[in-house]
């Protein structure tokens, strides 16, 4: 049995001005919940029952994948078709329209819909594309994003960082839009951009609405603390969001036996504004008793976290 004990506080980042404590407003009654889903599951028929089930289950939003890892996409896009990406059907138009009507009719008018284009960013950043796909150029990516922003009703777009040379144009797609970007913070994508000459703090801060932080990979304990996607790296991403005064959400995805401890550690340390996961993630959250434990942290009196350092001890067993 290997036991790893980490005692972490924001103050360990002693060289940064935000090391003291998270803002008081970060402690909420309960976190918002966002359901990760895929448009390929909703290609036809009446979506009203699905929308009702989502809202009745207590989700505040759906994070909908509209391009998959193989380059299949489910909306109109000439630039992607020109590069041999596979257009399945424009299922997204009806889905977005029906979502808007359903959220209003159920009284949940603030229910959000995020269009997830993370695979567009990932595939654009790789040289070895699957099948016969070609890499779209910068202007074509701008066209894809602008089309989604202008012609498909949603609350926001969500994605990992595009390659550094694409990011200024990708962010610029939001310049004249009311929607903004939910940045899925995942190495090495965010590192490549922020450490490049293309990074502009003002533009980044203007068009990135919130962070969704992917949890550390616990599949190989030998990598913990050394791999770029370590527990410490995720600490830094939450601290960065706090510095920029951005909402920070936690992506629940894991499956490792120590996952429960790690999620509770994030909740105690940072009180994320929301949790993102699949239906399976949230089912496990509920029936494992973890949801009840999480809610306890959000309902504690604010004075449990004074202006001093907030510390959470993490114990992982493998």
C-alpha atoms as a PDB file:
ATOM      1  CA  UNK A   1       0.000   0.000   0.000  1.00  0.00           C
ATOM      2  CA  UNK A   2       1.471   3.303  -1.046  1.00  0.00           C
ATOM      3  CA  UNK A   3       0.244   6.310   0.938  1.00  0.00           C
ATOM      4  CA  UNK A   4       0.830   9.840  -0.265  1.00  0.00           C
ATOM      5  CA  UNK A   5       0.072  12.721   2.084  1.00  0.00           C
ATOM      6  CA  UNK A   6       0.002  16.242   0.751  1.00  0.00           C
ATOM      7  CA  UNK A   7      -0.594  19.301   2.897  1.00  0.00           C
ATOM      8  CA  UNK A   8      -1.357  22.086   0.484  1.00  0.00           C
ATOM      9  CA  UNK A   9      -2.364  25.717   0.850  1.00  0.00           C
ATOM     10  CA  UNK A  10      -2.492  28.601  -1.544  1.00  0.00           C
ATOM     11  CA  UNK A  11       0.251  30.088   0.587  1.00  0.00           C
ATOM     12  CA  UNK A  12       2.727  27.565  -0.803  1.00  0.00           C
ATOM     13  CA  UNK A  13       2.827  29.897  -3.801  1.00  0.00           C
ATOM     14  CA  UNK A  14       4.703  32.388  -1.633  1.00  0.00           C
ATOM     15  CA  UNK A  15       6.004  34.388  -4.555  1.00  0.00           C
ATOM     16  CA  UNK A  16       2.509  35.368  -5.673  1.00  0.00           C
ATOM     17  CA  UNK A  17       0.317  38.118  -4.280  1.00  0.00           C
ATOM     18  CA  UNK A  18      -2.804  35.949  -4.243  1.00  0.00           C
ATOM     19  CA  UNK A  19      -1.401  33.378  -1.840  1.00  0.00           C
ATOM     20  CA  UNK A  20      -3.506  34.267   1.185  1.00  0.00           C
ATOM     21  CA  UNK A  21      -7.074  33.070   0.706  1.00  0.00           C
ATOM     22  CA  UNK A  22      -9.895  32.664  -1.791  1.00  0.00           C
ATOM     23  CA  UNK A  23     -12.522  35.422  -1.960  1.00  0.00           C
ATOM     24  CA  UNK A  24     -15.298  35.166   0.639  1.00  0.00           C
ATOM     25  CA  UNK A  25     -17.905  34.858  -2.097  1.00  0.00           C
ATOM     26  CA  UNK A  26     -16.398  31.549  -3.254  1.00  0.00           C
ATOM     27  CA  UNK A  27     -18.275  29.721  -0.447  1.00  0.00           C
ATOM     28  CA  UNK A  28     -21.738  28.924  -1.818  1.00  0.00           C
ATOM     29  CA  UNK A  29     -24.705  26.953  -0.544  1.00  0.00           C
ATOM     30  CA  UNK A  30     -24.149  24.271  -3.186  1.00  0.00           C
ATOM     31  CA  UNK A  31     -22.040  24.033  -6.341  1.00  0.00           C
ATOM     32  CA  UNK A  32     -23.691  24.319  -9.738  1.00  0.00           C
ATOM     33  CA  UNK A  33     -23.661  21.129 -11.830  1.00  0.00           C
ATOM     34  CA  UNK A  34     -22.912  20.911 -15.553  1.00  0.00           C
ATOM     35  CA  UNK A  35     -23.647  17.709 -17.484  1.00  0.00           C
ATOM     36  CA  UNK A  36     -21.154  16.618 -20.144  1.00  0.00           C
ATOM     37  CA  UNK A  37     -22.966  15.210 -23.182  1.00  0.00           C
ATOM     38  CA  UNK A  38     -22.512  14.603 -26.909  1.00  0.00           C
ATOM     39  CA  UNK A  39     -24.709  15.870 -29.738  1.00  0.00           C
ATOM     40  CA  UNK A  40     -24.306  12.479 -31.499  1.00  0.00           C
ATOM     41  CA  UNK A  41     -26.721  11.037 -28.905  1.00  0.00           C
ATOM     42  CA  UNK A  42     -29.423  13.497 -29.948  1.00  0.00           C
ATOM     43  CA  UNK A  43     -29.682  13.285 -33.721  1.00  0.00           C
ATOM     44  CA  UNK A  44     -33.436  13.318 -34.098  1.00  0.00           C
ATOM     45  CA  UNK A  45     -36.834  13.271 -32.492  1.00  0.00           C
ATOM     46  CA  UNK A  46     -38.317  15.354 -29.749  1.00  0.00           C
ATOM     47  CA  UNK A  47     -35.747  16.574 -27.222  1.00  0.00           C
ATOM     48  CA  UNK A  48     -38.250  17.911 -24.686  1.00  0.00           C
ATOM     49  CA  UNK A  49     -38.109  14.870 -22.401  1.00  0.00           C
ATOM     50  CA  UNK A  50     -34.322  15.048 -22.359  1.00  0.00           C
ATOM     51  CA  UNK A  51     -34.338  18.752 -21.511  1.00  0.00           C
ATOM     52  CA  UNK A  52     -36.897  18.177 -18.757  1.00  0.00           C
ATOM     53  CA  UNK A  53     -34.842  15.344 -17.257  1.00  0.00           C
ATOM     54  CA  UNK A  54     -31.713  17.511 -17.250  1.00  0.00           C
ATOM     55  CA  UNK A  55     -33.443  20.382 -15.463  1.00  0.00           C
ATOM     56  CA  UNK A  56     -35.324  18.084 -13.052  1.00  0.00           C
ATOM     57  CA  UNK A  57     -32.017  16.419 -12.115  1.00  0.00           C
ATOM     58  CA  UNK A  58     -30.704  19.782 -10.934  1.00  0.00           C
ATOM     59  CA  UNK A  59     -28.161  20.534 -13.646  1.00  0.00           C
ATOM     60  CA  UNK A  60     -27.602  24.223 -14.288  1.00  0.00           C
ATOM     61  CA  UNK A  61     -26.133  23.637 -17.751  1.00  0.00           C
ATOM     62  CA  UNK A  62     -25.113  21.106 -20.391  1.00  0.00           C
ATOM     63  CA  UNK A  63     -21.615  21.005 -21.892  1.00  0.00           C
ATOM     64  CA  UNK A  64     -22.356  19.608 -25.357  1.00  0.00           C
ATOM     65  CA  UNK A  65     -19.585  18.147 -27.512  1.00  0.00           C
ATOM     66  CA  UNK A  66     -20.280  19.150 -31.137  1.00  0.00           C
ATOM     67  CA  UNK A  67     -17.072  17.805 -32.747  1.00  0.00           C
ATOM     68  CA  UNK A  68     -15.638  14.401 -31.836  1.00  0.00           C
ATOM     69  CA  UNK A  69     -12.102  13.010 -31.745  1.00  0.00           C
ATOM     70  CA  UNK A  70     -12.425  11.564 -35.260  1.00  0.00           C
ATOM     71  CA  UNK A  71     -13.331  14.895 -36.869  1.00  0.00           C
ATOM     72  CA  UNK A  72     -17.078  14.247 -37.147  1.00  0.00           C
ATOM     73  CA  UNK A  73     -19.113  17.423 -36.690  1.00  0.00           C
ATOM     74  CA  UNK A  74     -22.844  18.047 -36.344  1.00  0.00           C
ATOM     75  CA  UNK A  75     -23.445  21.571 -37.666  1.00  0.00           C
ATOM     76  CA  UNK A  76     -22.995  23.480 -40.918  1.00  0.00           C
ATOM     77  CA  UNK A  77     -19.344  24.313 -41.665  1.00  0.00           C
ATOM     78  CA  UNK A  78     -17.865  24.677 -45.142  1.00  0.00           C
ATOM     79  CA  UNK A  79     -14.274  25.196 -43.855  1.00  0.00           C
ATOM     80  CA  UNK A  80     -14.340  21.855 -42.037  1.00  0.00           C
ATOM     81  CA  UNK A  81     -15.917  20.067 -45.015  1.00  0.00           C
ATOM     82  CA  UNK A  82     -13.256  21.577 -47.290  1.00  0.00           C
ATOM     83  CA  UNK A  83     -10.616  19.936 -45.078  1.00  0.00           C
ATOM     84  CA  UNK A  84     -12.258  16.489 -45.279  1.00  0.00           C
ATOM     85  CA  UNK A  85     -13.750  16.665 -41.787  1.00  0.00           C
ATOM     86  CA  UNK A  86     -16.930  14.622 -41.797  1.00  0.00           C
ATOM     87  CA  UNK A  87     -20.287  16.408 -41.690  1.00  0.00           C
ATOM     88  CA  UNK A  88     -22.845  14.023 -40.214  1.00  0.00           C
ATOM     89  CA  UNK A  89     -25.944  16.213 -39.990  1.00  0.00           C
ATOM     90  CA  UNK A  90     -26.872  19.646 -38.716  1.00  0.00           C
ATOM     91  CA  UNK A  91     -28.442  18.278 -35.546  1.00  0.00           C
ATOM     92  CA  UNK A  92     -27.195  21.262 -33.576  1.00  0.00           C
ATOM     93  CA  UNK A  93     -29.627  23.819 -35.058  1.00  0.00           C
ATOM     94  CA  UNK A  94     -32.761  22.094 -33.803  1.00  0.00           C
ATOM     95  CA  UNK A  95     -31.123  21.132 -30.511  1.00  0.00           C
ATOM     96  CA  UNK A  96     -30.160  24.738 -29.711  1.00  0.00           C
ATOM     97  CA  UNK A  97     -33.560  26.108 -30.707  1.00  0.00           C
ATOM     98  CA  UNK A  98     -35.461  23.503 -28.720  1.00  0.00           C
ATOM     99  CA  UNK A  99     -33.174  23.990 -25.709  1.00  0.00           C
ATOM    100  CA  UNK A 100     -33.957  27.689 -25.666  1.00  0.00           C
ATOM    101  CA  UNK A 101     -37.720  27.047 -25.841  1.00  0.00           C
ATOM    102  CA  UNK A 102     -37.625  24.239 -23.277  1.00  0.00           C
ATOM    103  CA  UNK A 103     -35.634  26.201 -20.710  1.00  0.00           C
ATOM    104  CA  UNK A 104     -38.160  29.044 -20.925  1.00  0.00           C
ATOM    105  CA  UNK A 105     -41.239  26.812 -20.779  1.00  0.00           C
ATOM    106  CA  UNK A 106     -39.971  24.998 -17.679  1.00  0.00           C
ATOM    107  CA  UNK A 107     -39.174  28.245 -15.896  1.00  0.00           C
ATOM    108  CA  UNK A 108     -35.448  27.475 -15.946  1.00  0.00           C
ATOM    109  CA  UNK A 109     -34.593  30.335 -18.291  1.00  0.00           C
ATOM    110  CA  UNK A 110     -31.067  30.568 -16.887  1.00  0.00           C
ATOM    111  CA  UNK A 111     -30.185  26.963 -17.776  1.00  0.00           C
ATOM    112  CA  UNK A 112     -27.005  27.183 -19.825  1.00  0.00           C
ATOM    113  CA  UNK A 113     -25.862  25.425 -22.974  1.00  0.00           C
ATOM    114  CA  UNK A 114     -22.134  25.328 -23.721  1.00  0.00           C
ATOM    115  CA  UNK A 115     -20.942  24.161 -27.142  1.00  0.00           C
ATOM    116  CA  UNK A 116     -17.780  22.134 -26.636  1.00  0.00           C
ATOM    117  CA  UNK A 117     -15.217  22.411 -29.453  1.00  0.00           C
ATOM    118  CA  UNK A 118     -12.240  20.994 -27.539  1.00  0.00           C
ATOM    119  CA  UNK A 119     -11.568  18.366 -30.212  1.00  0.00           C
ATOM    120  CA  UNK A 120     -11.289  21.082 -32.855  1.00  0.00           C
ATOM    121  CA  UNK A 121      -8.499  22.640 -30.772  1.00  0.00           C
ATOM    122  CA  UNK A 122      -6.806  19.307 -30.093  1.00  0.00           C
ATOM    123  CA  UNK A 123      -6.918  18.123 -33.712  1.00  0.00           C
ATOM    124  CA  UNK A 124      -5.750  21.509 -34.979  1.00  0.00           C
ATOM    125  CA  UNK A 125      -2.715  21.138 -32.728  1.00  0.00           C
ATOM    126  CA  UNK A 126      -1.645  17.699 -33.952  1.00  0.00           C
ATOM    127  CA  UNK A 127       0.345  16.791 -37.040  1.00  0.00           C
ATOM    128  CA  UNK A 128      -1.027  13.243 -37.242  1.00  0.00           C
ATOM    129  CA  UNK A 129      -4.728  13.784 -37.883  1.00  0.00           C
ATOM    130  CA  UNK A 130      -7.001  10.717 -38.071  1.00  0.00           C
ATOM    131  CA  UNK A 131      -8.140   9.424 -41.442  1.00  0.00           C
ATOM    132  CA  UNK A 132      -7.797  11.889 -44.317  1.00  0.00           C
ATOM    133  CA  UNK A 133      -8.432  15.010 -42.281  1.00  0.00           C
ATOM    134  CA  UNK A 134      -6.493  18.148 -43.157  1.00  0.00           C
ATOM    135  CA  UNK A 135      -5.512  20.790 -40.659  1.00  0.00           C
ATOM    136  CA  UNK A 136      -7.684  23.929 -41.018  1.00  0.00           C
ATOM    137  CA  UNK A 137      -5.803  27.211 -41.215  1.00  0.00           C
ATOM    138  CA  UNK A 138      -6.203  30.118 -38.812  1.00  0.00           C
ATOM    139  CA  UNK A 139      -8.874  31.901 -40.859  1.00  0.00           C
ATOM    140  CA  UNK A 140     -10.896  28.708 -41.246  1.00  0.00           C
ATOM    141  CA  UNK A 141     -10.892  28.135 -37.474  1.00  0.00           C
ATOM    142  CA  UNK A 142     -12.059  31.720 -37.031  1.00  0.00           C
ATOM    143  CA  UNK A 143     -14.901  31.000 -39.475  1.00  0.00           C
ATOM    144  CA  UNK A 144     -15.936  27.844 -37.582  1.00  0.00           C
ATOM    145  CA  UNK A 145     -16.022  29.613 -34.207  1.00  0.00           C
ATOM    146  CA  UNK A 146     -17.751  32.734 -35.559  1.00  0.00           C
ATOM    147  CA  UNK A 147     -20.403  30.560 -37.200  1.00  0.00           C
ATOM    148  CA  UNK A 148     -21.136  28.745 -33.919  1.00  0.00           C
ATOM    149  CA  UNK A 149     -21.240  32.009 -31.984  1.00  0.00           C
ATOM    150  CA  UNK A 150     -23.494  33.833 -34.446  1.00  0.00           C
ATOM    151  CA  UNK A 151     -25.838  31.114 -35.713  1.00  0.00           C
ATOM    152  CA  UNK A 152     -26.339  28.621 -32.879  1.00  0.00           C
ATOM    153  CA  UNK A 153     -28.062  29.693 -29.669  1.00  0.00           C
ATOM    154  CA  UNK A 154     -25.932  28.912 -26.648  1.00  0.00           C
ATOM    155  CA  UNK A 155     -24.578  30.456 -23.461  1.00  0.00           C
ATOM    156  CA  UNK A 156     -20.908  30.034 -24.326  1.00  0.00           C
ATOM    157  CA  UNK A 157     -18.316  27.953 -26.136  1.00  0.00           C
ATOM    158  CA  UNK A 158     -15.976  25.660 -24.222  1.00  0.00           C
ATOM    159  CA  UNK A 159     -12.567  24.438 -25.336  1.00  0.00           C
ATOM    160  CA  UNK A 160      -9.002  23.732 -24.383  1.00  0.00           C
ATOM    161  CA  UNK A 161      -6.443  26.193 -25.729  1.00  0.00           C
ATOM    162  CA  UNK A 162      -5.841  26.129 -29.473  1.00  0.00           C
ATOM    163  CA  UNK A 163      -2.234  26.079 -30.699  1.00  0.00           C
ATOM    164  CA  UNK A 164      -0.496  29.398 -29.819  1.00  0.00           C
ATOM    165  CA  UNK A 165      -0.650  30.786 -33.361  1.00  0.00           C
ATOM    166  CA  UNK A 166      -4.444  30.168 -33.453  1.00  0.00           C
ATOM    167  CA  UNK A 167      -5.381  31.541 -30.033  1.00  0.00           C
ATOM    168  CA  UNK A 168      -5.406  35.302 -30.808  1.00  0.00           C
ATOM    169  CA  UNK A 169      -7.847  34.713 -33.675  1.00  0.00           C
ATOM    170  CA  UNK A 170      -9.875  32.200 -31.637  1.00  0.00           C
ATOM    171  CA  UNK A 171     -10.286  34.719 -28.817  1.00  0.00           C
ATOM    172  CA  UNK A 172     -11.004  37.474 -31.341  1.00  0.00           C
ATOM    173  CA  UNK A 173     -14.024  35.484 -32.554  1.00  0.00           C
ATOM    174  CA  UNK A 174     -15.764  36.586 -29.351  1.00  0.00           C
ATOM    175  CA  UNK A 175     -15.037  40.283 -29.841  1.00  0.00           C
ATOM    176  CA  UNK A 176     -18.505  41.313 -31.030  1.00  0.00           C
ATOM    177  CA  UNK A 177     -20.433  38.544 -29.272  1.00  0.00           C
ATOM    178  CA  UNK A 178     -22.276  38.424 -25.985  1.00  0.00           C
ATOM    179  CA  UNK A 179     -20.984  34.905 -25.450  1.00  0.00           C
ATOM    180  CA  UNK A 180     -17.535  34.178 -24.064  1.00  0.00           C
ATOM    181  CA  UNK A 181     -15.184  31.226 -23.704  1.00  0.00           C
ATOM    182  CA  UNK A 182     -15.211  28.620 -20.961  1.00  0.00           C
ATOM    183  CA  UNK A 183     -11.533  27.618 -20.961  1.00  0.00           C
ATOM    184  CA  UNK A 184     -10.928  23.965 -20.180  1.00  0.00           C
ATOM    185  CA  UNK A 185      -7.594  24.181 -18.413  1.00  0.00           C
ATOM    186  CA  UNK A 186      -5.620  21.161 -19.567  1.00  0.00           C
ATOM    187  CA  UNK A 187      -1.858  20.806 -20.093  1.00  0.00           C
ATOM    188  CA  UNK A 188       0.000  20.952 -22.367  1.00  0.00           C
ATOM    189  CA  UNK A 189      -2.416  23.198 -24.291  1.00  0.00           C
ATOM    190  CA  UNK A 190      -2.641  26.079 -21.823  1.00  0.00           C
ATOM    191  CA  UNK A 191       1.113  25.980 -21.112  1.00  0.00           C
ATOM    192  CA  UNK A 192       2.047  26.190 -24.792  1.00  0.00           C
ATOM    193  CA  UNK A 193      -0.125  29.293 -25.246  1.00  0.00           C
ATOM    194  CA  UNK A 194       0.678  31.227 -22.069  1.00  0.00           C
ATOM    195  CA  UNK A 195       4.415  30.669 -22.526  1.00  0.00           C
ATOM    196  CA  UNK A 196       4.390  31.771 -26.163  1.00  0.00           C
ATOM    197  CA  UNK A 197       4.804  35.206 -27.684  1.00  0.00           C
ATOM    198  CA  UNK A 198       1.139  35.074 -28.752  1.00  0.00           C
ATOM    199  CA  UNK A 199      -0.199  35.435 -25.207  1.00  0.00           C
ATOM    200  CA  UNK A 200      -1.836  38.783 -24.499  1.00  0.00           C
ATOM    201  CA  UNK A 201      -3.131  39.157 -20.954  1.00  0.00           C
ATOM    202  CA  UNK A 202      -5.742  41.834 -21.726  1.00  0.00           C
ATOM    203  CA  UNK A 203      -7.372  39.895 -24.587  1.00  0.00           C
ATOM    204  CA  UNK A 204      -7.261  36.632 -22.665  1.00  0.00           C
ATOM    205  CA  UNK A 205      -8.855  38.191 -19.612  1.00  0.00           C
ATOM    206  CA  UNK A 206     -11.567  39.927 -21.655  1.00  0.00           C
ATOM    207  CA  UNK A 207     -12.876  36.928 -23.578  1.00  0.00           C
ATOM    208  CA  UNK A 208     -12.306  34.009 -21.190  1.00  0.00           C
ATOM    209  CA  UNK A 209     -15.367  33.890 -18.944  1.00  0.00           C
ATOM    210  CA  UNK A 210     -14.439  31.059 -16.601  1.00  0.00           C
ATOM    211  CA  UNK A 211     -12.105  28.107 -16.101  1.00  0.00           C
ATOM    212  CA  UNK A 212     -13.010  24.448 -15.992  1.00  0.00           C
ATOM    213  CA  UNK A 213     -10.021  22.759 -14.391  1.00  0.00           C
ATOM    214  CA  UNK A 214      -9.346  19.150 -15.338  1.00  0.00           C
ATOM    215  CA  UNK A 215      -8.329  17.071 -12.346  1.00  0.00           C
ATOM    216  CA  UNK A 216      -4.899  15.470 -12.032  1.00  0.00           C
ATOM    217  CA  UNK A 217      -4.300  12.079 -13.640  1.00  0.00           C
ATOM    218  CA  UNK A 218      -4.049   9.507 -10.842  1.00  0.00           C
ATOM    219  CA  UNK A 219      -3.730   6.480 -13.107  1.00  0.00           C
ATOM    220  CA  UNK A 220       0.024   6.243 -12.469  1.00  0.00           C
ATOM    221  CA  UNK A 221       1.059   7.211  -8.896  1.00  0.00           C
ATOM    222  CA  UNK A 222       4.702   7.355  -9.994  1.00  0.00           C
ATOM    223  CA  UNK A 223       3.918  10.457 -12.050  1.00  0.00           C
ATOM    224  CA  UNK A 224       2.318  12.408  -9.214  1.00  0.00           C
ATOM    225  CA  UNK A 225       4.281  15.584  -8.555  1.00  0.00           C
ATOM    226  CA  UNK A 226       6.420  15.183 -11.696  1.00  0.00           C
ATOM    227  CA  UNK A 227       3.975  14.969 -14.577  1.00  0.00           C
ATOM    228  CA  UNK A 228       2.766  18.266 -16.065  1.00  0.00           C
ATOM    229  CA  UNK A 229      -0.787  17.364 -15.047  1.00  0.00           C
ATOM    230  CA  UNK A 230       0.035  16.857 -11.380  1.00  0.00           C
ATOM    231  CA  UNK A 231      -1.916  17.685  -8.241  1.00  0.00           C
ATOM    232  CA  UNK A 232       0.270  20.758  -7.776  1.00  0.00           C
ATOM    233  CA  UNK A 233      -0.427  21.923 -11.328  1.00  0.00           C
ATOM    234  CA  UNK A 234      -4.167  21.876 -10.655  1.00  0.00           C
ATOM    235  CA  UNK A 235      -3.545  23.888  -7.460  1.00  0.00           C
ATOM    236  CA  UNK A 236      -1.818  26.508  -9.565  1.00  0.00           C
ATOM    237  CA  UNK A 237      -4.707  26.661 -12.057  1.00  0.00           C
ATOM    238  CA  UNK A 238      -7.216  27.362  -9.283  1.00  0.00           C
ATOM    239  CA  UNK A 239      -4.925  30.048  -7.898  1.00  0.00           C
ATOM    240  CA  UNK A 240      -4.585  31.559 -11.387  1.00  0.00           C
ATOM    241  CA  UNK A 241      -8.368  31.696 -11.776  1.00  0.00           C
ATOM    242  CA  UNK A 242      -8.603  33.423  -8.399  1.00  0.00           C
ATOM    243  CA  UNK A 243      -6.012  35.996  -9.458  1.00  0.00           C
ATOM    244  CA  UNK A 244      -7.959  36.794 -12.633  1.00  0.00           C
ATOM    245  CA  UNK A 245     -11.225  36.856 -10.647  1.00  0.00           C
ATOM    246  CA  UNK A 246     -12.645  34.103 -12.851  1.00  0.00           C
ATOM    247  CA  UNK A 247     -15.107  31.464 -11.772  1.00  0.00           C
ATOM    248  CA  UNK A 248     -13.346  28.120 -11.421  1.00  0.00           C
ATOM    249  CA  UNK A 249     -15.205  24.856 -11.969  1.00  0.00           C
ATOM    250  CA  UNK A 250     -13.861  21.351 -11.367  1.00  0.00           C
ATOM    251  CA  UNK A 251     -14.078  18.585 -13.977  1.00  0.00           C
ATOM    252  CA  UNK A 252     -14.852  15.436 -11.990  1.00  0.00           C
ATOM    253  CA  UNK A 253     -13.605  12.860 -14.485  1.00  0.00           C
ATOM    254  CA  UNK A 254     -11.293  10.243 -12.976  1.00  0.00           C
ATOM    255  CA  UNK A 255     -12.298   6.755 -11.851  1.00  0.00           C
ATOM    256  CA  UNK A 256      -9.201   6.162  -9.697  1.00  0.00           C
ATOM    257  CA  UNK A 257      -9.902   4.685  -6.206  1.00  0.00           C
ATOM    258  CA  UNK A 258      -8.412   7.811  -4.583  1.00  0.00           C
ATOM    259  CA  UNK A 259     -10.723  10.072  -6.605  1.00  0.00           C
ATOM    260  CA  UNK A 260     -13.066  10.635  -3.659  1.00  0.00           C
ATOM    261  CA  UNK A 261     -10.309  12.063  -1.471  1.00  0.00           C
ATOM    262  CA  UNK A 262      -9.012  14.268  -4.248  1.00  0.00           C
ATOM    263  CA  UNK A 263     -12.435  15.761  -5.015  1.00  0.00           C
ATOM    264  CA  UNK A 264     -13.035  16.523  -1.338  1.00  0.00           C
ATOM    265  CA  UNK A 265      -9.598  18.123  -1.183  1.00  0.00           C
ATOM    266  CA  UNK A 266     -10.494  20.491  -4.037  1.00  0.00           C
ATOM    267  CA  UNK A 267     -13.833  21.339  -2.455  1.00  0.00           C
ATOM    268  CA  UNK A 268     -12.288  22.081   0.936  1.00  0.00           C
ATOM    269  CA  UNK A 269      -9.388  24.050  -0.494  1.00  0.00           C
ATOM    270  CA  UNK A 270     -11.059  26.072  -3.267  1.00  0.00           C
ATOM    271  CA  UNK A 271     -14.863  25.660  -3.103  1.00  0.00           C
ATOM    272  CA  UNK A 272     -15.236  25.537  -6.934  1.00  0.00           C
ATOM    273  CA  UNK A 273     -18.224  27.469  -8.273  1.00  0.00           C
ATOM    274  CA  UNK A 274     -19.411  24.390 -10.121  1.00  0.00           C
ATOM    275  CA  UNK A 275     -18.735  20.731 -10.963  1.00  0.00           C
ATOM    276  CA  UNK A 276     -18.665  19.300 -14.492  1.00  0.00           C
ATOM    277  CA  UNK A 277     -19.053  15.616 -15.256  1.00  0.00           C
ATOM    278  CA  UNK A 278     -20.831  12.851 -17.125  1.00  0.00           C
ATOM    279  CA  UNK A 279     -24.078  11.292 -15.917  1.00  0.00           C
ATOM    280  CA  UNK A 280     -21.978   8.391 -14.630  1.00  0.00           C
ATOM    281  CA  UNK A 281     -19.770  10.801 -12.637  1.00  0.00           C
ATOM    282  CA  UNK A 282     -22.765  12.430 -10.950  1.00  0.00           C
ATOM    283  CA  UNK A 283     -24.474   9.077 -10.271  1.00  0.00           C
ATOM    284  CA  UNK A 284     -21.328   7.914  -8.512  1.00  0.00           C
ATOM    285  CA  UNK A 285     -21.159  11.230  -6.689  1.00  0.00           C
ATOM    286  CA  UNK A 286     -24.670  10.733  -5.324  1.00  0.00           C
ATOM    287  CA  UNK A 287     -24.700   7.053  -4.415  1.00  0.00           C
ATOM    288  CA  UNK A 288     -21.179   6.950  -2.963  1.00  0.00           C
ATOM    289  CA  UNK A 289     -22.230   9.516  -0.368  1.00  0.00           C
ATOM    290  CA  UNK A 290     -19.699  11.980  -1.741  1.00  0.00           C
ATOM    291  CA  UNK A 291     -22.379  14.514  -2.712  1.00  0.00           C
ATOM    292  CA  UNK A 292     -23.510  14.777   0.918  1.00  0.00           C
ATOM    293  CA  UNK A 293     -19.911  15.309   2.052  1.00  0.00           C
ATOM    294  CA  UNK A 294     -19.389  17.995  -0.580  1.00  0.00           C
ATOM    295  CA  UNK A 295     -22.546  19.854   0.442  1.00  0.00           C
ATOM    296  CA  UNK A 296     -21.288  20.034   4.014  1.00  0.00           C
ATOM    297  CA  UNK A 297     -18.328  22.153   2.911  1.00  0.00           C
ATOM    298  CA  UNK A 298     -20.578  24.570   1.033  1.00  0.00           C
ATOM    299  CA  UNK A 299     -23.020  25.002   3.923  1.00  0.00           C
ATOM    300  CA  UNK A 300     -20.406  25.648   6.615  1.00  0.00           C
ATOM    301  CA  UNK A 301     -20.491  29.167   8.093  1.00  0.00           C
ATOM    302  CA  UNK A 302     -18.211  31.584   6.303  1.00  0.00           C
ATOM    303  CA  UNK A 303     -16.177  32.155   9.439  1.00  0.00           C
ATOM    304  CA  UNK A 304     -14.654  28.685   9.158  1.00  0.00           C
ATOM    305  CA  UNK A 305     -12.361  30.176   6.524  1.00  0.00           C
ATOM    306  CA  UNK A 306     -10.838  33.295   8.072  1.00  0.00           C
ATOM    307  CA  UNK A 307      -8.621  35.734   6.238  1.00  0.00           C
ATOM    308  CA  UNK A 308      -5.616  33.556   7.005  1.00  0.00           C
ATOM    309  CA  UNK A 309      -4.472  30.490   5.115  1.00  0.00           C
ATOM    310  CA  UNK A 310      -6.895  27.745   4.195  1.00  0.00           C
ATOM    311  CA  UNK A 311      -5.247  24.330   4.375  1.00  0.00           C
ATOM    312  CA  UNK A 312      -6.517  20.941   3.237  1.00  0.00           C
ATOM    313  CA  UNK A 313      -4.712  17.650   3.838  1.00  0.00           C
ATOM    314  CA  UNK A 314      -4.968  15.049   1.090  1.00  0.00           C
ATOM    315  CA  UNK A 315      -4.392  11.343   1.628  1.00  0.00           C
ATOM    316  CA  UNK A 316      -4.230   9.078  -1.395  1.00  0.00           C
ATOM    317  CA  UNK A 317      -3.924   5.321  -1.170  1.00  0.00           C
ATOM    318  CA  UNK A 318      -3.042   2.966  -4.007  1.00  0.00           C
END
